[in-house]
Amino acid sequence: MIQSMTGYGKSVLQLPTKKVTIEIKSLNSKNLDLNTRIPSYYKVKELAMRKKLASLLIRGKVDFSIYVEMTADETSTKINKGVVTSYMNQLRGVVDTESSSDVELLHMAVKMPDALKTEREELDDNEWNEIEKHIDIALKEILQYRTDEAASLEEDFKQRITNIKSCLEEVKEMDGERIENVKQRLGKALDELKVEVDENRFEQELIYYLEKLDINEEKVRLANHLDYFLQELASNVSNGKKLGFIVQEIGREINTTGSKANFAPLQKVVIQMKDELEKIKEQILNVL
């Protein structure tokens, strides 16, 4: 079964002092393009996290984010009391203390360098274990999203291939009429020239000309490629690149048929096939 490269997964973990939100987004890409945005104290786990994401998501432009929102009264940023007091004492010697209150001095002091200090938060293994569980939940969500998205793509592909097959049947039906039309046009052109021709030589040249316009091989190959596409579509492995190669071969046979057509009704059917194939090409880029 195919999978789409478009997906979204999210999970929210509420810890005693913080809320952790995990988001995974993916779009189509030729290869895996993985971008991560995580707090610095989780960086030590980034390599293992990347390996897990790569093994499950395989391909696509993937954005992985961990957002942390502090919910407790405590904060890792503290006032550096000694430095602030020193600034205030210095400011008293500079400004008129009678016109300046301690509140105004404190307001100026906390804006000075090193007035605030941030204590580095260390990674808690128990906390990370909980986060990992929610990463797995977000991954499960995005994989399910990809599967659901692919189901609609698969139905669309089947319908498009069915439409091309119907057009191919039309091509087979009108191929005999096309050959007769070519013969009549050549005969009429000779009659208009009003010259005598060797009938045997004319038949030889006509056969040679019609061989160049023969599309039997194209019809057989096109039918085979269409069946092969459906076969790969139904396989257990999602292989968008392989399906893309098959689509290229389908396009080659349709184009060759169009170039050999030399018959307006058949060329109209070829255009219909090209239109259906273009819609497949647009969507096949999104298949994993």
C-alpha atoms as a PDB file:
ATOM      1  CA  MET A   1       0.000   0.000   0.000  1.00  0.00           C
ATOM      2  CA  ILE A   2       1.337   3.418  -0.912  1.00  0.00           C
ATOM      3  CA  GLN A   3       1.984   6.202   1.575  1.00  0.00           C
ATOM      4  CA  SER A   4       1.818   9.941   1.071  1.00  0.00           C
ATOM      5  CA  MET A   5       4.732  12.180   2.052  1.00  0.00           C
ATOM      6  CA  THR A   6       2.324  14.812   3.367  1.00  0.00           C
ATOM      7  CA  GLY A   7       1.551  14.379   7.049  1.00  0.00           C
ATOM      8  CA  TYR A   8       1.156  15.969  10.455  1.00  0.00           C
ATOM      9  CA  GLY A   9       1.473  14.630  13.986  1.00  0.00           C
ATOM     10  CA  LYS A  10       1.256  16.320  17.371  1.00  0.00           C
ATOM     11  CA  SER A  11       1.367  15.357  21.028  1.00  0.00           C
ATOM     12  CA  VAL A  12       1.287  17.458  24.219  1.00  0.00           C
ATOM     13  CA  LEU A  13       2.906  16.373  27.489  1.00  0.00           C
ATOM     14  CA  GLN A  14       2.119  18.158  30.760  1.00  0.00           C
ATOM     15  CA  LEU A  15       4.961  17.857  33.279  1.00  0.00           C
ATOM     16  CA  PRO A  16       4.952  19.269  36.833  1.00  0.00           C
ATOM     17  CA  THR A  17       6.868  22.403  35.818  1.00  0.00           C
ATOM     18  CA  LYS A  18       6.403  22.656  32.044  1.00  0.00           C
ATOM     19  CA  LYS A  19       4.252  21.839  29.046  1.00  0.00           C
ATOM     20  CA  VAL A  20       6.057  20.070  26.205  1.00  0.00           C
ATOM     21  CA  THR A  21       4.513  20.179  22.715  1.00  0.00           C
ATOM     22  CA  ILE A  22       5.886  17.864  20.020  1.00  0.00           C
ATOM     23  CA  GLU A  23       5.055  18.559  16.358  1.00  0.00           C
ATOM     24  CA  ILE A  24       6.058  16.703  13.200  1.00  0.00           C
ATOM     25  CA  LYS A  25       5.194  18.039   9.737  1.00  0.00           C
ATOM     26  CA  SER A  26       6.182  16.559   6.380  1.00  0.00           C
ATOM     27  CA  LEU A  27       5.869  17.514   2.716  1.00  0.00           C
ATOM     28  CA  ASN A  28       7.094  15.866  -0.477  1.00  0.00           C
ATOM     29  CA  SER A  29      10.791  15.852  -1.346  1.00  0.00           C
ATOM     30  CA  LYS A  30      13.104  13.694  -3.482  1.00  0.00           C
ATOM     31  CA  ASN A  31      15.056  12.612  -0.389  1.00  0.00           C
ATOM     32  CA  LEU A  32      14.826  12.951   3.383  1.00  0.00           C
ATOM     33  CA  ASP A  33      15.267  16.599   4.381  1.00  0.00           C
ATOM     34  CA  LEU A  34      15.020  16.588   8.177  1.00  0.00           C
ATOM     35  CA  ASN A  35      15.004  19.833  10.176  1.00  0.00           C
ATOM     36  CA  THR A  36      14.816  19.841  13.986  1.00  0.00           C
ATOM     37  CA  ARG A  37      14.016  22.622  16.423  1.00  0.00           C
ATOM     38  CA  ILE A  38      14.552  21.574  20.046  1.00  0.00           C
ATOM     39  CA  PRO A  39      15.725  23.215  23.309  1.00  0.00           C
ATOM     40  CA  SER A  40      19.482  23.079  23.916  1.00  0.00           C
ATOM     41  CA  TYR A  41      19.218  20.769  26.940  1.00  0.00           C
ATOM     42  CA  TYR A  42      17.661  18.070  24.723  1.00  0.00           C
ATOM     43  CA  LYS A  43      20.416  18.285  22.098  1.00  0.00           C
ATOM     44  CA  VAL A  44      22.258  15.303  23.554  1.00  0.00           C
ATOM     45  CA  LYS A  45      19.338  13.132  22.386  1.00  0.00           C
ATOM     46  CA  GLU A  46      19.103  14.665  18.911  1.00  0.00           C
ATOM     47  CA  LEU A  47      21.175  12.051  17.038  1.00  0.00           C
ATOM     48  CA  ALA A  48      19.126   9.105  18.306  1.00  0.00           C
ATOM     49  CA  MET A  49      15.945  11.070  17.625  1.00  0.00           C
ATOM     50  CA  ARG A  50      17.009  11.788  14.031  1.00  0.00           C
ATOM     51  CA  LYS A  51      17.728   8.087  13.419  1.00  0.00           C
ATOM     52  CA  LYS A  52      14.254   7.122  14.639  1.00  0.00           C
ATOM     53  CA  LEU A  53      12.574   9.770  12.456  1.00  0.00           C
ATOM     54  CA  ALA A  54      14.623   8.759   9.403  1.00  0.00           C
ATOM     55  CA  SER A  55      13.859   5.055   9.837  1.00  0.00           C
ATOM     56  CA  LEU A  56      10.087   5.623  10.020  1.00  0.00           C
ATOM     57  CA  LEU A  57       9.480   8.616   7.730  1.00  0.00           C
ATOM     58  CA  ILE A  58      12.093   7.570   5.112  1.00  0.00           C
ATOM     59  CA  ARG A  59      11.571  10.446   2.662  1.00  0.00           C
ATOM     60  CA  GLY A  60      10.134  13.947   2.548  1.00  0.00           C
ATOM     61  CA  LYS A  61      10.798  17.439   3.878  1.00  0.00           C
ATOM     62  CA  VAL A  62      10.283  16.868   7.612  1.00  0.00           C
ATOM     63  CA  ASP A  63      10.120  19.538  10.326  1.00  0.00           C
ATOM     64  CA  PHE A  64      10.404  18.201  13.873  1.00  0.00           C
ATOM     65  CA  SER A  65       9.861  20.607  16.779  1.00  0.00           C
ATOM     66  CA  ILE A  66       9.785  20.410  20.567  1.00  0.00           C
ATOM     67  CA  TYR A  67       8.310  23.495  22.227  1.00  0.00           C
ATOM     68  CA  VAL A  68       8.639  23.980  25.996  1.00  0.00           C
ATOM     69  CA  GLU A  69       6.389  26.312  27.983  1.00  0.00           C
ATOM     70  CA  MET A  70       7.212  26.804  31.678  1.00  0.00           C
ATOM     71  CA  THR A  71       4.097  26.487  33.846  1.00  0.00           C
ATOM     72  CA  ALA A  72       5.584  26.482  37.377  1.00  0.00           C
ATOM     73  CA  ASP A  73       6.269  29.518  39.555  1.00  0.00           C
ATOM     74  CA  GLU A  74       9.979  28.773  39.478  1.00  0.00           C
ATOM     75  CA  THR A  75      12.111  29.913  36.576  1.00  0.00           C
ATOM     76  CA  SER A  76      15.660  29.157  35.497  1.00  0.00           C
ATOM     77  CA  THR A  77      16.411  32.903  35.194  1.00  0.00           C
ATOM     78  CA  LYS A  78      17.489  34.478  38.520  1.00  0.00           C
ATOM     79  CA  ILE A  79      18.360  37.999  39.629  1.00  0.00           C
ATOM     80  CA  ASN A  80      22.058  38.329  40.374  1.00  0.00           C
ATOM     81  CA  LYS A  81      21.586  40.114  43.707  1.00  0.00           C
ATOM     82  CA  GLY A  82      25.233  41.014  44.297  1.00  0.00           C
ATOM     83  CA  VAL A  83      25.620  42.567  40.860  1.00  0.00           C
ATOM     84  CA  VAL A  84      22.306  44.501  41.080  1.00  0.00           C
ATOM     85  CA  THR A  85      23.190  45.839  44.556  1.00  0.00           C
ATOM     86  CA  SER A  86      26.568  46.970  43.306  1.00  0.00           C
ATOM     87  CA  TYR A  87      24.955  48.765  40.349  1.00  0.00           C
ATOM     88  CA  MET A  88      22.477  50.516  42.650  1.00  0.00           C
ATOM     89  CA  ASN A  89      25.271  51.723  44.972  1.00  0.00           C
ATOM     90  CA  GLN A  90      27.172  53.068  41.992  1.00  0.00           C
ATOM     91  CA  LEU A  91      24.074  54.791  40.651  1.00  0.00           C
ATOM     92  CA  ARG A  92      23.502  56.515  44.004  1.00  0.00           C
ATOM     93  CA  GLY A  93      26.903  58.127  43.603  1.00  0.00           C
ATOM     94  CA  VAL A  94      25.986  59.339  40.142  1.00  0.00           C
ATOM     95  CA  VAL A  95      22.376  60.528  40.430  1.00  0.00           C
ATOM     96  CA  ASP A  96      20.689  62.815  42.948  1.00  0.00           C
ATOM     97  CA  THR A  97      19.317  60.340  45.534  1.00  0.00           C
ATOM     98  CA  GLU A  98      16.813  62.859  46.768  1.00  0.00           C
ATOM     99  CA  SER A  99      15.104  62.956  43.392  1.00  0.00           C
ATOM    100  CA  SER A 100      15.538  59.239  42.668  1.00  0.00           C
ATOM    101  CA  SER A 101      13.903  56.442  44.654  1.00  0.00           C
ATOM    102  CA  ASP A 102      15.301  52.927  45.092  1.00  0.00           C
ATOM    103  CA  VAL A 103      12.637  51.633  42.688  1.00  0.00           C
ATOM    104  CA  GLU A 104      13.941  53.884  39.912  1.00  0.00           C
ATOM    105  CA  LEU A 105      17.515  52.843  40.668  1.00  0.00           C
ATOM    106  CA  LEU A 106      16.509  49.173  40.618  1.00  0.00           C
ATOM    107  CA  HIS A 107      14.746  49.698  37.268  1.00  0.00           C
ATOM    108  CA  MET A 108      18.015  50.998  35.817  1.00  0.00           C
ATOM    109  CA  ALA A 109      20.202  48.399  37.539  1.00  0.00           C
ATOM    110  CA  VAL A 110      18.392  45.326  36.184  1.00  0.00           C
ATOM    111  CA  LYS A 111      19.035  46.580  32.634  1.00  0.00           C
ATOM    112  CA  MET A 112      22.794  46.510  33.229  1.00  0.00           C
ATOM    113  CA  PRO A 113      24.985  43.602  32.005  1.00  0.00           C
ATOM    114  CA  ASP A 114      24.953  40.431  34.148  1.00  0.00           C
ATOM    115  CA  ALA A 115      22.066  41.683  36.298  1.00  0.00           C
ATOM    116  CA  LEU A 116      20.184  38.478  35.394  1.00  0.00           C
ATOM    117  CA  LYS A 117      21.678  35.002  35.264  1.00  0.00           C
ATOM    118  CA  THR A 118      20.211  31.899  33.684  1.00  0.00           C
ATOM    119  CA  GLU A 119      20.930  28.597  35.314  1.00  0.00           C
ATOM    120  CA  ARG A 120      21.493  25.867  32.722  1.00  0.00           C
ATOM    121  CA  GLU A 121      18.845  23.182  32.972  1.00  0.00           C
ATOM    122  CA  GLU A 122      20.197  19.631  33.002  1.00  0.00           C
ATOM    123  CA  LEU A 123      18.504  16.790  31.153  1.00  0.00           C
ATOM    124  CA  ASP A 124      16.347  14.604  33.368  1.00  0.00           C
ATOM    125  CA  ASP A 125      16.298  10.995  32.087  1.00  0.00           C
ATOM    126  CA  ASN A 126      12.856  10.316  33.524  1.00  0.00           C
ATOM    127  CA  GLU A 127      11.536  13.446  31.847  1.00  0.00           C
ATOM    128  CA  TRP A 128      13.092  12.418  28.520  1.00  0.00           C
ATOM    129  CA  ASN A 129      11.531   8.950  28.775  1.00  0.00           C
ATOM    130  CA  GLU A 130       8.097  10.612  28.984  1.00  0.00           C
ATOM    131  CA  ILE A 131       8.951  12.884  26.049  1.00  0.00           C
ATOM    132  CA  GLU A 132      10.048   9.866  23.984  1.00  0.00           C
ATOM    133  CA  LYS A 133       6.664   8.237  24.562  1.00  0.00           C
ATOM    134  CA  HIS A 134       4.948  11.338  23.194  1.00  0.00           C
ATOM    135  CA  ILE A 135       7.361  11.497  20.233  1.00  0.00           C
ATOM    136  CA  ASP A 136       6.159   7.970  19.417  1.00  0.00           C
ATOM    137  CA  ILE A 137       2.549   9.175  19.672  1.00  0.00           C
ATOM    138  CA  ALA A 138       3.265  12.052  17.250  1.00  0.00           C
ATOM    139  CA  LEU A 139       5.021   9.634  14.875  1.00  0.00           C
ATOM    140  CA  LYS A 140       2.053   7.273  14.985  1.00  0.00           C
ATOM    141  CA  GLU A 141      -0.238  10.190  14.124  1.00  0.00           C
ATOM    142  CA  ILE A 142       1.814  11.358  11.149  1.00  0.00           C
ATOM    143  CA  LEU A 143       2.137   7.817   9.783  1.00  0.00           C
ATOM    144  CA  GLN A 144      -1.628   7.373  10.021  1.00  0.00           C
ATOM    145  CA  TYR A 145      -2.118  10.755   8.328  1.00  0.00           C
ATOM    146  CA  ARG A 146       0.185   9.638   5.505  1.00  0.00           C
ATOM    147  CA  THR A 147      -1.745   6.388   5.126  1.00  0.00           C
ATOM    148  CA  ASP A 148      -5.130   8.150   5.034  1.00  0.00           C
ATOM    149  CA  GLU A 149      -3.840  10.711   2.538  1.00  0.00           C
ATOM    150  CA  ALA A 150      -2.463   7.925   0.348  1.00  0.00           C
ATOM    151  CA  ALA A 151      -5.808   6.104   0.277  1.00  0.00           C
ATOM    152  CA  SER A 152      -7.419   8.974  -1.640  1.00  0.00           C
ATOM    153  CA  LEU A 153      -4.366   9.201  -3.915  1.00  0.00           C
ATOM    154  CA  GLU A 154      -4.608   5.489  -4.693  1.00  0.00           C
ATOM    155  CA  GLU A 155      -8.263   5.748  -5.688  1.00  0.00           C
ATOM    156  CA  ASP A 156      -7.449   8.704  -7.933  1.00  0.00           C
ATOM    157  CA  PHE A 157      -4.565   6.801  -9.594  1.00  0.00           C
ATOM    158  CA  LYS A 158      -6.784   3.785 -10.259  1.00  0.00           C
ATOM    159  CA  GLN A 159      -9.445   5.990 -11.853  1.00  0.00           C
ATOM    160  CA  ARG A 160      -6.871   7.774 -14.042  1.00  0.00           C
ATOM    161  CA  ILE A 161      -5.342   4.481 -15.199  1.00  0.00           C
ATOM    162  CA  THR A 162      -8.827   3.132 -15.952  1.00  0.00           C
ATOM    163  CA  ASN A 163      -9.513   6.230 -18.050  1.00  0.00           C
ATOM    164  CA  ILE A 164      -6.266   5.755 -19.992  1.00  0.00           C
ATOM    165  CA  LYS A 165      -7.158   2.094 -20.575  1.00  0.00           C
ATOM    166  CA  SER A 166     -10.542   3.160 -21.952  1.00  0.00           C
ATOM    167  CA  CYS A 167      -8.790   5.570 -24.304  1.00  0.00           C
ATOM    168  CA  LEU A 168      -6.431   2.787 -25.368  1.00  0.00           C
ATOM    169  CA  GLU A 169      -9.437   0.642 -26.328  1.00  0.00           C
ATOM    170  CA  GLU A 170     -10.688   3.545 -28.443  1.00  0.00           C
ATOM    171  CA  VAL A 171      -7.276   3.721 -30.129  1.00  0.00           C
ATOM    172  CA  LYS A 172      -7.450  -0.008 -30.940  1.00  0.00           C
ATOM    173  CA  GLU A 173     -10.947   0.340 -32.382  1.00  0.00           C
ATOM    174  CA  MET A 174     -10.094   3.247 -34.674  1.00  0.00           C
ATOM    175  CA  ASP A 175      -6.666   1.979 -35.751  1.00  0.00           C
ATOM    176  CA  GLY A 176      -8.102   0.086 -38.739  1.00  0.00           C
ATOM    177  CA  GLU A 177     -10.062   3.141 -39.824  1.00  0.00           C
ATOM    178  CA  ARG A 178      -6.902   5.235 -39.471  1.00  0.00           C
ATOM    179  CA  ILE A 179      -4.936   2.974 -41.835  1.00  0.00           C
ATOM    180  CA  GLU A 180      -7.724   3.031 -44.422  1.00  0.00           C
ATOM    181  CA  ASN A 181      -7.857   6.813 -44.135  1.00  0.00           C
ATOM    182  CA  VAL A 182      -4.110   7.056 -44.800  1.00  0.00           C
ATOM    183  CA  LYS A 183      -4.414   4.785 -47.854  1.00  0.00           C
ATOM    184  CA  GLN A 184      -7.296   6.829 -49.259  1.00  0.00           C
ATOM    185  CA  ARG A 185      -5.448  10.110 -48.771  1.00  0.00           C
ATOM    186  CA  LEU A 186      -2.364   8.796 -50.536  1.00  0.00           C
ATOM    187  CA  GLY A 187      -4.457   7.397 -53.406  1.00  0.00           C
ATOM    188  CA  LYS A 188      -6.354  10.678 -53.727  1.00  0.00           C
ATOM    189  CA  ALA A 189      -3.093  12.624 -53.783  1.00  0.00           C
ATOM    190  CA  LEU A 190      -1.813  10.439 -56.632  1.00  0.00           C
ATOM    191  CA  ASP A 191      -5.043  10.838 -58.566  1.00  0.00           C
ATOM    192  CA  GLU A 192      -4.770  14.595 -58.283  1.00  0.00           C
ATOM    193  CA  LEU A 193      -1.247  14.454 -59.708  1.00  0.00           C
ATOM    194  CA  LYS A 194      -2.699  12.715 -62.794  1.00  0.00           C
ATOM    195  CA  VAL A 195       0.374  10.609 -63.400  1.00  0.00           C
ATOM    196  CA  GLU A 196       0.692   6.933 -64.139  1.00  0.00           C
ATOM    197  CA  VAL A 197       2.264   4.859 -61.383  1.00  0.00           C
ATOM    198  CA  ASP A 198       3.507   1.307 -61.133  1.00  0.00           C
ATOM    199  CA  GLU A 199       0.905  -0.451 -58.966  1.00  0.00           C
ATOM    200  CA  ASN A 200       3.442  -2.906 -57.550  1.00  0.00           C
ATOM    201  CA  ARG A 201       5.865  -0.131 -56.672  1.00  0.00           C
ATOM    202  CA  PHE A 202       3.023   1.876 -55.171  1.00  0.00           C
ATOM    203  CA  GLU A 203       2.013  -1.079 -52.985  1.00  0.00           C
ATOM    204  CA  GLN A 204       5.627  -1.498 -51.802  1.00  0.00           C
ATOM    205  CA  GLU A 205       5.964   2.173 -50.914  1.00  0.00           C
ATOM    206  CA  LEU A 206       2.577   2.140 -49.209  1.00  0.00           C
ATOM    207  CA  ILE A 207       3.554  -0.856 -47.055  1.00  0.00           C
ATOM    208  CA  TYR A 208       6.838   0.849 -46.136  1.00  0.00           C
ATOM    209  CA  TYR A 209       4.998   4.056 -45.219  1.00  0.00           C
ATOM    210  CA  LEU A 210       2.340   2.245 -43.183  1.00  0.00           C
ATOM    211  CA  GLU A 211       5.020   0.327 -41.269  1.00  0.00           C
ATOM    212  CA  LYS A 212       6.355   3.660 -40.057  1.00  0.00           C
ATOM    213  CA  LEU A 213       2.876   4.564 -38.811  1.00  0.00           C
ATOM    214  CA  ASP A 214       2.252   1.185 -37.196  1.00  0.00           C
ATOM    215  CA  ILE A 215       1.418   1.539 -33.472  1.00  0.00           C
ATOM    216  CA  ASN A 216       0.830  -2.102 -32.526  1.00  0.00           C
ATOM    217  CA  GLU A 217       3.991  -2.273 -30.412  1.00  0.00           C
ATOM    218  CA  GLU A 218       3.063   0.970 -28.663  1.00  0.00           C
ATOM    219  CA  LYS A 219      -0.411  -0.358 -27.856  1.00  0.00           C
ATOM    220  CA  VAL A 220       0.993  -3.583 -26.376  1.00  0.00           C
ATOM    221  CA  ARG A 221       3.691  -1.815 -24.345  1.00  0.00           C
ATOM    222  CA  LEU A 222       1.257   0.817 -23.096  1.00  0.00           C
ATOM    223  CA  ALA A 223      -1.182  -1.867 -21.910  1.00  0.00           C
ATOM    224  CA  ASN A 224       1.670  -3.676 -20.130  1.00  0.00           C
ATOM    225  CA  HIS A 225       2.880  -0.489 -18.423  1.00  0.00           C
ATOM    226  CA  LEU A 226      -0.645   0.331 -17.217  1.00  0.00           C
ATOM    227  CA  ASP A 227      -1.026  -3.159 -15.724  1.00  0.00           C
ATOM    228  CA  TYR A 228       2.441  -2.920 -14.152  1.00  0.00           C
ATOM    229  CA  PHE A 229       1.541   0.416 -12.542  1.00  0.00           C
ATOM    230  CA  LEU A 230      -1.572  -1.095 -10.940  1.00  0.00           C
ATOM    231  CA  GLN A 231       0.458  -4.110  -9.825  1.00  0.00           C
ATOM    232  CA  GLU A 232       3.033  -1.922  -8.059  1.00  0.00           C
ATOM    233  CA  LEU A 233       0.277   0.265  -6.630  1.00  0.00           C
ATOM    234  CA  ALA A 234      -1.195  -2.805  -4.918  1.00  0.00           C
ATOM    235  CA  SER A 235       2.136  -4.031  -3.485  1.00  0.00           C
ATOM    236  CA  ASN A 236       2.867  -3.923   0.252  1.00  0.00           C
ATOM    237  CA  VAL A 237       5.759  -1.486  -0.217  1.00  0.00           C
ATOM    238  CA  SER A 238       5.282   2.194  -1.021  1.00  0.00           C
ATOM    239  CA  ASN A 239       7.746   3.027  -3.786  1.00  0.00           C
ATOM    240  CA  GLY A 240       6.916   6.410  -5.298  1.00  0.00           C
ATOM    241  CA  LYS A 241      10.141   6.546  -7.294  1.00  0.00           C
ATOM    242  CA  LYS A 242       9.403   3.251  -9.049  1.00  0.00           C
ATOM    243  CA  LEU A 243       5.859   4.363  -9.828  1.00  0.00           C
ATOM    244  CA  GLY A 244       7.335   7.585 -11.213  1.00  0.00           C
ATOM    245  CA  PHE A 245       9.581   5.590 -13.595  1.00  0.00           C
ATOM    246  CA  ILE A 246       6.586   3.562 -14.807  1.00  0.00           C
ATOM    247  CA  VAL A 247       4.675   6.798 -15.424  1.00  0.00           C
ATOM    248  CA  GLN A 248       7.584   8.022 -17.570  1.00  0.00           C
ATOM    249  CA  GLU A 249       7.362   4.848 -19.686  1.00  0.00           C
ATOM    250  CA  ILE A 250       3.596   5.275 -20.030  1.00  0.00           C
ATOM    251  CA  GLY A 251       4.169   8.833 -21.222  1.00  0.00           C
ATOM    252  CA  ARG A 252       6.751   7.675 -23.758  1.00  0.00           C
ATOM    253  CA  GLU A 253       4.326   5.211 -25.373  1.00  0.00           C
ATOM    254  CA  ILE A 254       1.496   7.765 -25.444  1.00  0.00           C
ATOM    255  CA  ASN A 255       3.767  10.365 -27.058  1.00  0.00           C
ATOM    256  CA  THR A 256       4.984   7.895 -29.693  1.00  0.00           C
ATOM    257  CA  THR A 257       1.406   6.908 -30.480  1.00  0.00           C
ATOM    258  CA  GLY A 258       0.512  10.570 -30.924  1.00  0.00           C
ATOM    259  CA  SER A 259       3.464  11.250 -33.213  1.00  0.00           C
ATOM    260  CA  LYS A 260       2.528   8.285 -35.434  1.00  0.00           C
ATOM    261  CA  ALA A 261      -1.233   8.906 -35.364  1.00  0.00           C
ATOM    262  CA  ASN A 262      -1.610  10.974 -38.541  1.00  0.00           C
ATOM    263  CA  PHE A 263      -5.343  10.827 -37.887  1.00  0.00           C
ATOM    264  CA  ALA A 264      -7.253  13.619 -36.139  1.00  0.00           C
ATOM    265  CA  PRO A 265      -9.763  11.467 -34.150  1.00  0.00           C
ATOM    266  CA  LEU A 266      -6.929   9.322 -32.781  1.00  0.00           C
ATOM    267  CA  GLN A 267      -4.883  12.387 -31.860  1.00  0.00           C
ATOM    268  CA  LYS A 268      -7.824  13.678 -29.806  1.00  0.00           C
ATOM    269  CA  VAL A 269      -7.847  10.436 -27.825  1.00  0.00           C
ATOM    270  CA  VAL A 270      -4.079  10.725 -27.313  1.00  0.00           C
ATOM    271  CA  ILE A 271      -4.601  14.213 -25.872  1.00  0.00           C
ATOM    272  CA  GLN A 272      -7.140  12.787 -23.426  1.00  0.00           C
ATOM    273  CA  MET A 273      -4.587  10.174 -22.324  1.00  0.00           C
ATOM    274  CA  LYS A 274      -1.940  12.869 -21.879  1.00  0.00           C
ATOM    275  CA  ASP A 275      -4.319  14.911 -19.746  1.00  0.00           C
ATOM    276  CA  GLU A 276      -4.997  11.953 -17.441  1.00  0.00           C
ATOM    277  CA  LEU A 277      -1.272  11.164 -17.234  1.00  0.00           C
ATOM    278  CA  GLU A 278      -0.363  14.739 -16.296  1.00  0.00           C
ATOM    279  CA  LYS A 279      -2.736  14.538 -13.340  1.00  0.00           C
ATOM    280  CA  ILE A 280      -1.016  11.322 -12.248  1.00  0.00           C
ATOM    281  CA  LYS A 281       2.405  12.962 -12.594  1.00  0.00           C
ATOM    282  CA  GLU A 282       1.355  15.835 -10.335  1.00  0.00           C
ATOM    283  CA  GLN A 283       0.247  13.491  -7.557  1.00  0.00           C
ATOM    284  CA  ILE A 284       2.958  10.822  -7.921  1.00  0.00           C
ATOM    285  CA  LEU A 285       5.503  13.345  -6.586  1.00  0.00           C
ATOM    286  CA  ASN A 286       3.746  13.104  -3.233  1.00  0.00           C
ATOM    287  CA  VAL A 287       4.023   9.307  -2.944  1.00  0.00           C
ATOM    288  CA  LEU A 288       6.656   7.967  -0.569  1.00  0.00           C
END
